[in-house]
Amino acid sequence: MSKNPSDGSVRWLTPDEERAWRAFRRMMIAVQTGTARDLSQVGLSEPDYEVLSTLSERPDHAGTLHGQAAKMGWSRSRLSRHATRMEARGLIRRAPDPDDGRGCLLVLTEHGLDTLVDAAPAHLRSVRHHFIDRLAPEDLTALEHIARKVEPPDEAPRPPQT
């Protein structure tokens, strides 16, 4: 990449910073590609699994479309389109949001929960294969520490896992 900026305020990455950034990007791509490929073998996409697993952990297996979109870093309209496809497959249903007349709740169906339960072992094997089992416990601790530093500031800090 050219380092001849038209604006002298650009802070170019040092060689060490650039190596770290590129290594991070390669790692993310490798892990996401591997886990997405493995999830597709059980008929789910990564966004499908994210929605199903999040709803399964919520009271009444329901959550707002707005909250889920924020968690995934998606726009509401993007998640709404994806939710329509999940609804057509019987994985979720929509319900009116009693707290927001303009919003809706995403509700996990029995079929969606069964699908998640069936997919979870394969997904966990994939996460272990592509990520967890390649790292030492101290690597995992360091990654968790780094992740907390780069979380968006509007997210509530998560307590350390013991």
Protein backbone atom coordinates (compact mmCIF):
# COMPACT_ATOMS: atom_id res chain seq x y z
CA MET A 1 0.00 0.00 0.00
CA SER A 2 1.29 3.44 -0.88
CA LYS A 3 2.35 5.56 2.05
CA ASN A 4 2.02 8.84 0.21
CA PRO A 5 -1.12 10.24 1.79
CA SER A 6 -2.66 13.39 0.46
CA ASP A 7 -3.45 14.27 4.06
CA GLY A 8 -0.49 14.32 6.44
CA SER A 9 -2.74 13.32 9.38
CA VAL A 10 -2.81 9.62 8.43
CA ARG A 11 -1.10 7.45 11.05
CA TRP A 12 0.29 4.57 9.02
CA LEU A 13 0.74 1.23 10.72
CA THR A 14 4.22 0.29 11.80
CA PRO A 15 5.52 -3.00 10.39
CA ASP A 16 4.72 -4.74 13.70
CA GLU A 17 1.20 -3.25 13.77
CA GLU A 18 0.57 -4.22 10.16
CA ARG A 19 1.73 -7.82 10.76
CA ALA A 20 -0.55 -8.06 13.81
CA TRP A 21 -3.53 -6.60 11.92
CA ARG A 22 -3.05 -8.94 8.97
CA ALA A 23 -2.60 -11.94 11.26
CA PHE A 24 -5.83 -11.04 13.05
CA ARG A 25 -7.69 -10.75 9.72
CA ARG A 26 -6.29 -14.10 8.48
CA MET A 27 -7.30 -15.76 11.75
CA MET A 28 -10.85 -14.37 11.61
CA ILE A 29 -11.30 -15.41 7.99
CA ALA A 30 -9.93 -18.92 8.59
CA VAL A 31 -12.09 -19.55 11.66
CA GLN A 32 -15.26 -18.07 10.15
CA THR A 33 -14.80 -19.89 6.85
CA GLY A 34 -14.25 -23.21 8.60
CA THR A 35 -17.14 -22.92 11.03
CA ALA A 36 -19.50 -21.60 8.33
CA ARG A 37 -18.62 -24.51 6.04
CA ASP A 38 -19.20 -26.98 8.87
CA LEU A 39 -22.54 -25.40 9.86
CA SER A 40 -23.69 -25.59 6.24
CA GLN A 41 -23.28 -29.37 6.46
CA VAL A 42 -26.10 -29.40 9.04
CA GLY A 43 -28.25 -26.97 7.04
CA LEU A 44 -27.60 -23.75 8.94
CA SER A 45 -25.74 -20.53 8.25
CA GLU A 46 -23.72 -18.70 10.91
CA PRO A 47 -26.46 -16.05 11.23
CA ASP A 48 -29.08 -18.82 11.62
CA TYR A 49 -27.06 -20.36 14.44
CA GLU A 50 -26.47 -16.98 16.09
CA VAL A 51 -30.19 -16.16 16.11
CA LEU A 52 -31.24 -19.63 17.29
CA SER A 53 -28.62 -19.86 20.03
CA THR A 54 -29.33 -16.34 21.31
CA LEU A 55 -33.08 -16.96 21.44
CA SER A 56 -32.55 -20.31 23.19
CA GLU A 57 -30.76 -18.50 26.04
CA ARG A 58 -33.45 -15.84 26.50
CA PRO A 59 -36.48 -15.98 28.79
CA ASP A 60 -39.45 -17.35 26.86
CA HIS A 61 -37.06 -18.03 23.95
CA ALA A 62 -37.85 -14.56 22.58
CA GLY A 63 -35.98 -11.34 21.90
CA THR A 64 -36.49 -8.14 20.00
CA LEU A 65 -35.47 -7.91 16.38
CA HIS A 66 -33.74 -4.62 17.26
CA GLY A 67 -31.69 -6.21 20.06
CA GLN A 68 -30.70 -9.20 17.93
CA ALA A 69 -29.66 -6.96 15.04
CA ALA A 70 -27.49 -4.88 17.39
CA LYS A 71 -25.87 -8.02 18.82
CA MET A 72 -25.00 -9.23 15.32
CA GLY A 73 -23.86 -5.82 14.04
CA TRP A 74 -26.60 -5.90 11.40
CA SER A 75 -29.20 -3.34 10.41
CA ARG A 76 -32.78 -4.11 11.41
CA SER A 77 -33.80 -4.38 7.77
CA ARG A 78 -31.05 -6.91 7.03
CA LEU A 79 -32.03 -9.06 10.01
CA SER A 80 -35.71 -8.68 9.12
CA ARG A 81 -35.04 -10.14 5.68
CA HIS A 82 -33.02 -12.97 7.21
CA ALA A 83 -35.74 -13.59 9.81
CA THR A 84 -38.29 -13.89 7.00
CA ARG A 85 -36.22 -16.74 5.52
CA MET A 86 -35.88 -18.39 8.94
CA GLU A 87 -39.64 -18.03 9.47
CA ALA A 88 -40.32 -19.73 6.15
CA ARG A 89 -38.22 -22.69 7.36
CA GLY A 90 -40.19 -22.82 10.63
CA LEU A 91 -37.18 -21.96 12.82
CA ILE A 92 -38.64 -18.80 14.35
CA ARG A 93 -41.86 -16.83 14.34
CA ARG A 94 -42.54 -13.15 14.84
CA ALA A 95 -44.78 -11.70 17.53
CA PRO A 96 -45.76 -8.13 18.35
CA ASP A 97 -43.42 -6.41 20.79
CA PRO A 98 -45.58 -5.27 23.72
CA ASP A 99 -42.99 -2.60 24.60
CA ASP A 100 -42.59 -1.18 21.08
CA GLY A 101 -45.58 -0.93 18.78
CA ARG A 102 -43.28 -0.54 15.76
CA GLY A 103 -41.01 -3.46 16.67
CA CYS A 104 -41.42 -7.19 16.82
CA LEU A 105 -40.19 -10.12 18.83
CA LEU A 106 -38.36 -13.05 17.31
CA VAL A 107 -39.58 -16.24 18.97
CA LEU A 108 -37.82 -19.59 18.77
CA THR A 109 -40.18 -22.33 17.58
CA GLU A 110 -40.08 -25.92 18.75
CA HIS A 111 -38.66 -26.87 15.35
CA GLY A 112 -36.03 -24.14 15.72
CA LEU A 113 -35.01 -25.43 19.14
CA ASP A 114 -34.85 -29.02 17.84
CA THR A 115 -32.72 -27.83 14.92
CA LEU A 116 -30.38 -26.01 17.29
CA VAL A 117 -30.09 -29.03 19.60
CA ASP A 118 -29.30 -31.24 16.60
CA ALA A 119 -26.73 -28.77 15.20
CA ALA A 120 -24.97 -27.87 18.47
CA PRO A 121 -22.68 -30.93 18.70
CA ALA A 122 -21.40 -30.43 15.13
CA HIS A 123 -20.96 -26.70 15.75
CA LEU A 124 -19.04 -27.29 18.97
CA ARG A 125 -16.78 -29.83 17.23
CA SER A 126 -16.16 -27.23 14.53
CA VAL A 127 -15.35 -24.44 17.00
CA ARG A 128 -12.96 -26.78 18.80
CA HIS A 129 -11.32 -27.92 15.55
CA HIS A 130 -10.91 -24.48 13.98
CA PHE A 131 -10.16 -22.47 17.13
CA ILE A 132 -10.20 -23.73 20.74
CA ASP A 133 -8.07 -26.87 20.40
CA ARG A 134 -5.36 -24.95 18.53
CA LEU A 135 -4.77 -22.61 21.46
CA ALA A 136 -3.32 -22.97 24.93
CA PRO A 137 -5.40 -21.85 27.92
CA GLU A 138 -3.22 -18.75 28.29
CA ASP A 139 -3.89 -17.88 24.62
CA LEU A 140 -7.62 -18.01 25.29
CA THR A 141 -7.20 -15.78 28.34
CA ALA A 142 -5.16 -13.29 26.31
CA LEU A 143 -7.79 -13.25 23.53
CA GLU A 144 -10.56 -12.61 26.03
CA HIS A 145 -8.54 -9.75 27.51
CA ILE A 146 -7.93 -8.27 24.04
CA ALA A 147 -11.61 -8.66 23.09
CA ARG A 148 -12.67 -6.66 26.14
CA LYS A 149 -10.36 -3.83 25.06
CA VAL A 150 -11.90 -3.57 21.60
CA GLU A 151 -15.58 -4.01 22.51
CA PRO A 152 -17.76 -1.10 21.51
CA PRO A 153 -17.98 1.29 24.47
CA ASP A 154 -21.79 1.12 24.59
CA GLU A 155 -21.71 -2.58 25.48
CA ALA A 156 -21.78 -3.44 29.13
CA PRO A 157 -18.50 -5.00 30.27
CA ARG A 158 -18.71 -8.72 30.80
CA PRO A 159 -17.52 -10.12 34.11
CA PRO A 160 -14.46 -12.39 33.86
CA GLN A 161 -15.26 -16.07 33.56
CA THR A 162 -13.91 -18.20 36.39
